[in-house]
Amino acid sequence: MAKGQKKSSKEIRKPKKAPVKVEVVSAGFTKGQQATLNNIKKP
């Protein structure tokens, strides 16, 4: 049980770090810049 929980924590921790960084960066950009970023990221 402990092993499974530890793996879950690690798995949840890794993906969370990336989205948080993207959110902070997006918040720093204006709406126009954000739209441009989204367009570049899509392809």
PDB file of N, CA and C in Angstrom:
ATOM      1  N   MET A   1       0.844  -1.205   0.000  1.00  0.00           N
ATOM      2  CA  MET A   1       0.000   0.000   0.000  1.00  0.00           C
ATOM      3  C   MET A   1       0.881   1.258   0.000  1.00  0.00           C
ATOM      4  N   ALA A   2       1.853   1.266   0.890  1.00  0.00           N
ATOM      5  CA  ALA A   2       2.739   2.440   0.981  1.00  0.00           C
ATOM      6  C   ALA A   2       3.441   2.665  -0.352  1.00  0.00           C
ATOM      7  N   LYS A   3       3.894   1.569  -0.963  1.00  0.00           N
ATOM      8  CA  LYS A   3       4.613   1.707  -2.245  1.00  0.00           C
ATOM      9  C   LYS A   3       3.686   2.307  -3.296  1.00  0.00           C
ATOM     10  N   GLY A   4       2.476   1.802  -3.382  1.00  0.00           N
ATOM     11  CA  GLY A   4       1.534   2.313  -4.381  1.00  0.00           C
ATOM     12  C   GLY A   4       1.232   3.785  -4.146  1.00  0.00           C
ATOM     13  N   GLN A   5       1.070   4.154  -2.880  1.00  0.00           N
ATOM     14  CA  GLN A   5       0.779   5.561  -2.568  1.00  0.00           C
ATOM     15  C   GLN A   5       1.950   6.442  -2.972  1.00  0.00           C
ATOM     16  N   LYS A   6       3.161   5.982  -2.683  1.00  0.00           N
ATOM     17  CA  LYS A   6       4.346   6.788  -3.026  1.00  0.00           C
ATOM     18  C   LYS A   6       4.398   7.019  -4.531  1.00  0.00           C
ATOM     19  N   LYS A   7       4.138   5.980  -5.307  1.00  0.00           N
ATOM     20  CA  LYS A   7       4.180   6.117  -6.773  1.00  0.00           C
ATOM     21  C   LYS A   7       3.120   7.121  -7.217  1.00  0.00           C
ATOM     22  N   SER A   8       1.942   7.040  -6.628  1.00  0.00           N
ATOM     23  CA  SER A   8       0.861   7.956  -7.004  1.00  0.00           C
ATOM     24  C   SER A   8       1.286   9.392  -6.732  1.00  0.00           C
ATOM     25  N   SER A   9       1.875   9.624  -5.562  1.00  0.00           N
ATOM     26  CA  SER A   9       2.309  10.981  -5.203  1.00  0.00           C
ATOM     27  C   SER A   9       3.290  11.495  -6.241  1.00  0.00           C
ATOM     28  N   LYS A  10       4.242  10.651  -6.609  1.00  0.00           N
ATOM     29  CA  LYS A  10       5.259  11.083  -7.581  1.00  0.00           C
ATOM     30  C   LYS A  10       4.596  11.365  -8.926  1.00  0.00           C
ATOM     31  N   GLU A  11       3.703  10.505  -9.347  1.00  0.00           N
ATOM     32  CA  GLU A  11       3.046  10.680 -10.648  1.00  0.00           C
ATOM     33  C   GLU A  11       2.205  11.959 -10.656  1.00  0.00           C
ATOM     34  N   ILE A  12       1.532  12.223  -9.557  1.00  0.00           N
ATOM     35  CA  ILE A  12       0.690  13.429  -9.485  1.00  0.00           C
ATOM     36  C   ILE A  12       1.581  14.666  -9.429  1.00  0.00           C
ATOM     37  N   ARG A  13       2.710  14.539  -8.750  1.00  0.00           N
ATOM     38  CA  ARG A  13       3.589  15.691  -8.562  1.00  0.00           C
ATOM     39  C   ARG A  13       4.189  16.133  -9.899  1.00  0.00           C
ATOM     40  N   LYS A  14       4.635  15.200 -10.708  1.00  0.00           N
ATOM     41  CA  LYS A  14       5.329  15.557 -11.963  1.00  0.00           C
ATOM     42  C   LYS A  14       4.413  16.348 -12.904  1.00  0.00           C
ATOM     43  N   PRO A  15       3.257  15.827 -13.285  1.00  0.00           N
ATOM     44  CA  PRO A  15       2.390  16.546 -14.224  1.00  0.00           C
ATOM     45  C   PRO A  15       1.931  17.893 -13.654  1.00  0.00           C
ATOM     46  N   LYS A  16       1.775  17.971 -12.337  1.00  0.00           N
ATOM     47  CA  LYS A  16       1.285  19.216 -11.731  1.00  0.00           C
ATOM     48  C   LYS A  16       2.297  20.339 -11.936  1.00  0.00           C
ATOM     49  N   LYS A  17       3.573  20.019 -11.876  1.00  0.00           N
ATOM     50  CA  LYS A  17       4.611  21.058 -11.974  1.00  0.00           C
ATOM     51  C   LYS A  17       4.525  21.784 -13.321  1.00  0.00           C
ATOM     52  N   ALA A  18       4.368  21.056 -14.404  1.00  0.00           N
ATOM     53  CA  ALA A  18       4.367  21.681 -15.736  1.00  0.00           C
ATOM     54  C   ALA A  18       3.161  22.624 -15.900  1.00  0.00           C
ATOM     55  N   PRO A  19       1.931  22.143 -15.667  1.00  0.00           N
ATOM     56  CA  PRO A  19       0.762  23.010 -15.850  1.00  0.00           C
ATOM     57  C   PRO A  19       0.848  24.272 -14.993  1.00  0.00           C
ATOM     58  N   VAL A  20       1.355  24.152 -13.780  1.00  0.00           N
ATOM     59  CA  VAL A  20       1.442  25.332 -12.898  1.00  0.00           C
ATOM     60  C   VAL A  20       2.336  26.379 -13.552  1.00  0.00           C
ATOM     61  N   LYS A  21       3.476  25.933 -14.088  1.00  0.00           N
ATOM     62  CA  LYS A  21       4.410  26.872 -14.728  1.00  0.00           C
ATOM     63  C   LYS A  21       3.720  27.539 -15.920  1.00  0.00           C
ATOM     64  N   VAL A  22       3.008  26.767 -16.713  1.00  0.00           N
ATOM     65  CA  VAL A  22       2.332  27.323 -17.896  1.00  0.00           C
ATOM     66  C   VAL A  22       1.289  28.348 -17.455  1.00  0.00           C
ATOM     67  N   GLU A  23       0.574  28.035 -16.373  1.00  0.00           N
ATOM     68  CA  GLU A  23      -0.464  28.961 -15.892  1.00  0.00           C
ATOM     69  C   GLU A  23       0.163  30.286 -15.478  1.00  0.00           C
ATOM     70  N   VAL A  24       1.269  30.208 -14.755  1.00  0.00           N
ATOM     71  CA  VAL A  24       1.936  31.435 -14.281  1.00  0.00           C
ATOM     72  C   VAL A  24       2.405  32.256 -15.481  1.00  0.00           C
ATOM     73  N   VAL A  25       2.975  31.577 -16.468  1.00  0.00           N
ATOM     74  CA  VAL A  25       3.466  32.291 -17.660  1.00  0.00           C
ATOM     75  C   VAL A  25       2.286  32.923 -18.398  1.00  0.00           C
ATOM     76  N   SER A  26       1.205  32.173 -18.550  1.00  0.00           N
ATOM     77  CA  SER A  26       0.031  32.695 -19.262  1.00  0.00           C
ATOM     78  C   SER A  26      -0.518  33.922 -18.537  1.00  0.00           C
ATOM     79  N   ALA A  27      -0.528  33.879 -17.217  1.00  0.00           N
ATOM     80  CA  ALA A  27      -1.062  35.003 -16.436  1.00  0.00           C
ATOM     81  C   ALA A  27      -0.215  36.248 -16.688  1.00  0.00           C
ATOM     82  N   GLY A  28       1.078  36.064 -16.910  1.00  0.00           N
ATOM     83  CA  GLY A  28       1.970  37.199 -17.131  1.00  0.00           C
ATOM     84  C   GLY A  28       1.751  37.829 -18.501  1.00  0.00           C
ATOM     85  N   PHE A  29       1.253  37.058 -19.445  1.00  0.00           N
ATOM     86  CA  PHE A  29       1.053  37.587 -20.801  1.00  0.00           C
ATOM     87  C   PHE A  29      -0.297  38.288 -20.929  1.00  0.00           C
ATOM     88  N   THR A  30      -0.408  39.192 -21.871  1.00  0.00           N
ATOM     89  CA  THR A  30      -1.706  39.807 -22.140  1.00  0.00           C
ATOM     90  C   THR A  30      -2.545  38.818 -22.946  1.00  0.00           C
ATOM     91  N   LYS A  31      -3.813  39.136 -23.133  1.00  0.00           N
ATOM     92  CA  LYS A  31      -4.689  38.205 -23.860  1.00  0.00           C
ATOM     93  C   LYS A  31      -4.179  38.006 -25.282  1.00  0.00           C
ATOM     94  N   GLY A  32      -3.732  39.058 -25.927  1.00  0.00           N
ATOM     95  CA  GLY A  32      -3.237  38.953 -27.303  1.00  0.00           C
ATOM     96  C   GLY A  32      -2.023  38.047 -27.372  1.00  0.00           C
ATOM     97  N   GLN A  33      -1.090  38.239 -26.444  1.00  0.00           N
ATOM     98  CA  GLN A  33       0.117  37.411 -26.447  1.00  0.00           C
ATOM     99  C   GLN A  33      -0.248  35.960 -26.162  1.00  0.00           C
ATOM    100  N   GLN A  34      -1.223  35.758 -25.271  1.00  0.00           N
ATOM    101  CA  GLN A  34      -1.631  34.400 -24.916  1.00  0.00           C
ATOM    102  C   GLN A  34      -2.196  33.687 -26.150  1.00  0.00           C
ATOM    103  N   ALA A  35      -3.004  34.387 -26.931  1.00  0.00           N
ATOM    104  CA  ALA A  35      -3.590  33.797 -28.134  1.00  0.00           C
ATOM    105  C   ALA A  35      -2.477  33.396 -29.096  1.00  0.00           C
ATOM    106  N   THR A  36      -1.484  34.249 -29.225  1.00  0.00           N
ATOM    107  CA  THR A  36      -0.356  33.938 -30.112  1.00  0.00           C
ATOM    108  C   THR A  36       0.373  32.707 -29.605  1.00  0.00           C
ATOM    109  N   LEU A  37       0.573  32.635 -28.292  1.00  0.00           N
ATOM    110  CA  LEU A  37       1.269  31.480 -27.702  1.00  0.00           C
ATOM    111  C   LEU A  37       0.479  30.212 -28.011  1.00  0.00           C
ATOM    112  N   ASN A  38      -0.843  30.262 -27.817  1.00  0.00           N
ATOM    113  CA  ASN A  38      -1.686  29.091 -28.069  1.00  0.00           C
ATOM    114  C   ASN A  38      -1.574  28.660 -29.530  1.00  0.00           C
ATOM    115  N   ASN A  39      -1.556  29.612 -30.435  1.00  0.00           N
ATOM    116  CA  ASN A  39      -1.461  29.289 -31.861  1.00  0.00           C
ATOM    117  C   ASN A  39      -0.131  28.618 -32.163  1.00  0.00           C
ATOM    118  N   ILE A  40       0.933  29.089 -31.527  1.00  0.00           N
ATOM    119  CA  ILE A  40       2.261  28.506 -31.778  1.00  0.00           C
ATOM    120  C   ILE A  40       2.333  27.115 -31.156  1.00  0.00           C
ATOM    121  N   LYS A  41       1.695  26.959 -29.989  1.00  0.00           N
ATOM    122  CA  LYS A  41       1.781  25.678 -29.269  1.00  0.00           C
ATOM    123  C   LYS A  41       0.980  24.591 -29.981  1.00  0.00           C
ATOM    124  N   LYS A  42      -0.135  24.940 -30.587  1.00  0.00           N
ATOM    125  CA  LYS A  42      -1.029  23.938 -31.191  1.00  0.00           C
ATOM    126  C   LYS A  42      -0.305  23.058 -32.215  1.00  0.00           C
ATOM    127  N   PRO A  43       0.382  23.596 -33.203  1.00  0.00           N
ATOM    128  CA  PRO A  43       1.066  22.750 -34.182  1.00  0.00           C
ATOM    129  C   PRO A  43       2.297  22.112 -33.549  1.00  0.00           C
TER     130      PRO A  43
END
